[in-house]
Amino acid sequence: MHTFGSRLRALRVARGLTQRQLAEKSGAHHVTICRWEHFDSYPQAATTASAEKLAVALETSAAWLMFGEGASPLQESA
């Protein structure tokens, strides 16, 4: 998992959430979640709060979600 989008999708699926459910939990729009996953765009620096909300909803750190830094929460899920 080398990109933000691939980490986001893998963790969302591992947590058993749909894009809409993750959107509801994080406050992001479901279309935005889709774009982040498929087009590998990501929350801009000005919206760091979005990344933090996603991380909380997915029970991980923003550093792992955004940059792949630290221990993968997917190893814990396996």
C-alpha atoms as a PDB file:
ATOM      1  CA  MET A   1       0.000   0.000   0.000  1.00  0.00           C
ATOM      2  CA  HIS A   2       2.007   2.848  -1.329  1.00  0.00           C
ATOM      3  CA  THR A   3      -0.586   5.558  -1.784  1.00  0.00           C
ATOM      4  CA  PHE A   4      -3.043   7.387   0.398  1.00  0.00           C
ATOM      5  CA  GLY A   5      -5.923   6.045  -1.726  1.00  0.00           C
ATOM      6  CA  SER A   6      -4.825   2.422  -1.424  1.00  0.00           C
ATOM      7  CA  ARG A   7      -4.339   2.721   2.351  1.00  0.00           C
ATOM      8  CA  LEU A   8      -7.711   4.429   2.732  1.00  0.00           C
ATOM      9  CA  ARG A   9      -9.566   1.791   0.722  1.00  0.00           C
ATOM     10  CA  ALA A  10      -7.821  -1.183   2.329  1.00  0.00           C
ATOM     11  CA  LEU A  11      -8.498   0.046   5.847  1.00  0.00           C
ATOM     12  CA  ARG A  12     -12.091   1.023   5.053  1.00  0.00           C
ATOM     13  CA  VAL A  13     -12.744  -2.474   3.671  1.00  0.00           C
ATOM     14  CA  ALA A  14     -10.943  -4.114   6.619  1.00  0.00           C
ATOM     15  CA  ARG A  15     -13.196  -2.158   8.992  1.00  0.00           C
ATOM     16  CA  GLY A  16     -16.276  -3.336   7.056  1.00  0.00           C
ATOM     17  CA  LEU A  17     -17.376   0.152   6.050  1.00  0.00           C
ATOM     18  CA  THR A  18     -18.901   1.374   2.820  1.00  0.00           C
ATOM     19  CA  GLN A  19     -17.789   4.688   1.375  1.00  0.00           C
ATOM     20  CA  ARG A  20     -21.066   6.219   2.554  1.00  0.00           C
ATOM     21  CA  GLN A  21     -20.615   4.874   6.089  1.00  0.00           C
ATOM     22  CA  LEU A  22     -17.078   6.225   6.261  1.00  0.00           C
ATOM     23  CA  ALA A  23     -18.322   9.553   4.927  1.00  0.00           C
ATOM     24  CA  GLU A  24     -20.937   9.722   7.689  1.00  0.00           C
ATOM     25  CA  LYS A  25     -18.376   8.845  10.379  1.00  0.00           C
ATOM     26  CA  SER A  26     -15.747  11.288   9.130  1.00  0.00           C
ATOM     27  CA  GLY A  27     -17.840  14.199   7.919  1.00  0.00           C
ATOM     28  CA  ALA A  28     -16.485  13.920   4.376  1.00  0.00           C
ATOM     29  CA  HIS A  29     -18.792  13.536   1.381  1.00  0.00           C
ATOM     30  CA  HIS A  30     -19.013  10.004  -0.044  1.00  0.00           C
ATOM     31  CA  VAL A  31     -17.995  11.304  -3.488  1.00  0.00           C
ATOM     32  CA  THR A  32     -14.867  12.749  -1.899  1.00  0.00           C
ATOM     33  CA  ILE A  33     -14.065   9.366  -0.332  1.00  0.00           C
ATOM     34  CA  CYS A  34     -14.485   7.779  -3.772  1.00  0.00           C
ATOM     35  CA  ARG A  35     -12.173  10.329  -5.387  1.00  0.00           C
ATOM     36  CA  TRP A  36      -9.543   9.849  -2.710  1.00  0.00           C
ATOM     37  CA  GLU A  37      -9.630   6.096  -3.205  1.00  0.00           C
ATOM     38  CA  HIS A  38      -9.774   5.912  -6.989  1.00  0.00           C
ATOM     39  CA  PHE A  39      -7.986   8.997  -8.220  1.00  0.00           C
ATOM     40  CA  ASP A  40      -5.447   9.097  -5.435  1.00  0.00           C
ATOM     41  CA  SER A  41      -6.179  12.661  -4.546  1.00  0.00           C
ATOM     42  CA  TYR A  42      -5.928  13.412  -0.861  1.00  0.00           C
ATOM     43  CA  PRO A  43      -6.972  15.969   1.742  1.00  0.00           C
ATOM     44  CA  GLN A  44      -5.129  19.210   1.146  1.00  0.00           C
ATOM     45  CA  ALA A  45      -2.979  20.741   3.870  1.00  0.00           C
ATOM     46  CA  ALA A  46      -5.758  23.229   4.563  1.00  0.00           C
ATOM     47  CA  THR A  47      -8.070  20.338   5.377  1.00  0.00           C
ATOM     48  CA  THR A  48      -5.817  18.425   7.735  1.00  0.00           C
ATOM     49  CA  ALA A  49      -8.857  18.151   9.975  1.00  0.00           C
ATOM     50  CA  SER A  50     -10.378  15.889   7.299  1.00  0.00           C
ATOM     51  CA  ALA A  51      -7.425  13.528   7.502  1.00  0.00           C
ATOM     52  CA  GLU A  52      -7.640  13.488  11.278  1.00  0.00           C
ATOM     53  CA  LYS A  53     -11.384  12.739  11.175  1.00  0.00           C
ATOM     54  CA  LEU A  54     -10.778   9.922   8.694  1.00  0.00           C
ATOM     55  CA  ALA A  55      -8.055   8.494  10.913  1.00  0.00           C
ATOM     56  CA  VAL A  56     -10.324   8.555  13.954  1.00  0.00           C
ATOM     57  CA  ALA A  57     -13.168   6.924  12.006  1.00  0.00           C
ATOM     58  CA  LEU A  58     -10.799   4.198  10.789  1.00  0.00           C
ATOM     59  CA  GLU A  59      -9.073   3.755  14.159  1.00  0.00           C
ATOM     60  CA  THR A  60      -5.593   4.617  12.903  1.00  0.00           C
ATOM     61  CA  SER A  61      -3.179   7.522  12.935  1.00  0.00           C
ATOM     62  CA  ALA A  62      -3.297  10.352  10.418  1.00  0.00           C
ATOM     63  CA  ALA A  63       0.442   9.781   9.806  1.00  0.00           C
ATOM     64  CA  TRP A  64      -0.161   6.199   8.688  1.00  0.00           C
ATOM     65  CA  LEU A  65      -3.192   7.071   6.623  1.00  0.00           C
ATOM     66  CA  MET A  66      -1.584  10.025   4.855  1.00  0.00           C
ATOM     67  CA  PHE A  67       2.035   8.902   4.566  1.00  0.00           C
ATOM     68  CA  GLY A  68       2.253   5.221   5.556  1.00  0.00           C
ATOM     69  CA  GLU A  69       4.352   6.120   8.602  1.00  0.00           C
ATOM     70  CA  GLY A  70       4.324   3.840  11.633  1.00  0.00           C
ATOM     71  CA  ALA A  71       2.817   0.422  12.192  1.00  0.00           C
ATOM     72  CA  SER A  72       0.087  -0.660   9.817  1.00  0.00           C
ATOM     73  CA  PRO A  73      -3.283  -1.059  11.520  1.00  0.00           C
ATOM     74  CA  LEU A  74      -4.042  -3.740   8.935  1.00  0.00           C
ATOM     75  CA  GLN A  75      -1.578  -6.075  10.618  1.00  0.00           C
ATOM     76  CA  GLU A  76      -3.635  -5.745  13.777  1.00  0.00           C
ATOM     77  CA  SER A  77      -6.835  -6.545  11.853  1.00  0.00           C
ATOM     78  CA  ALA A  78      -5.455  -9.717  10.295  1.00  0.00           C
END
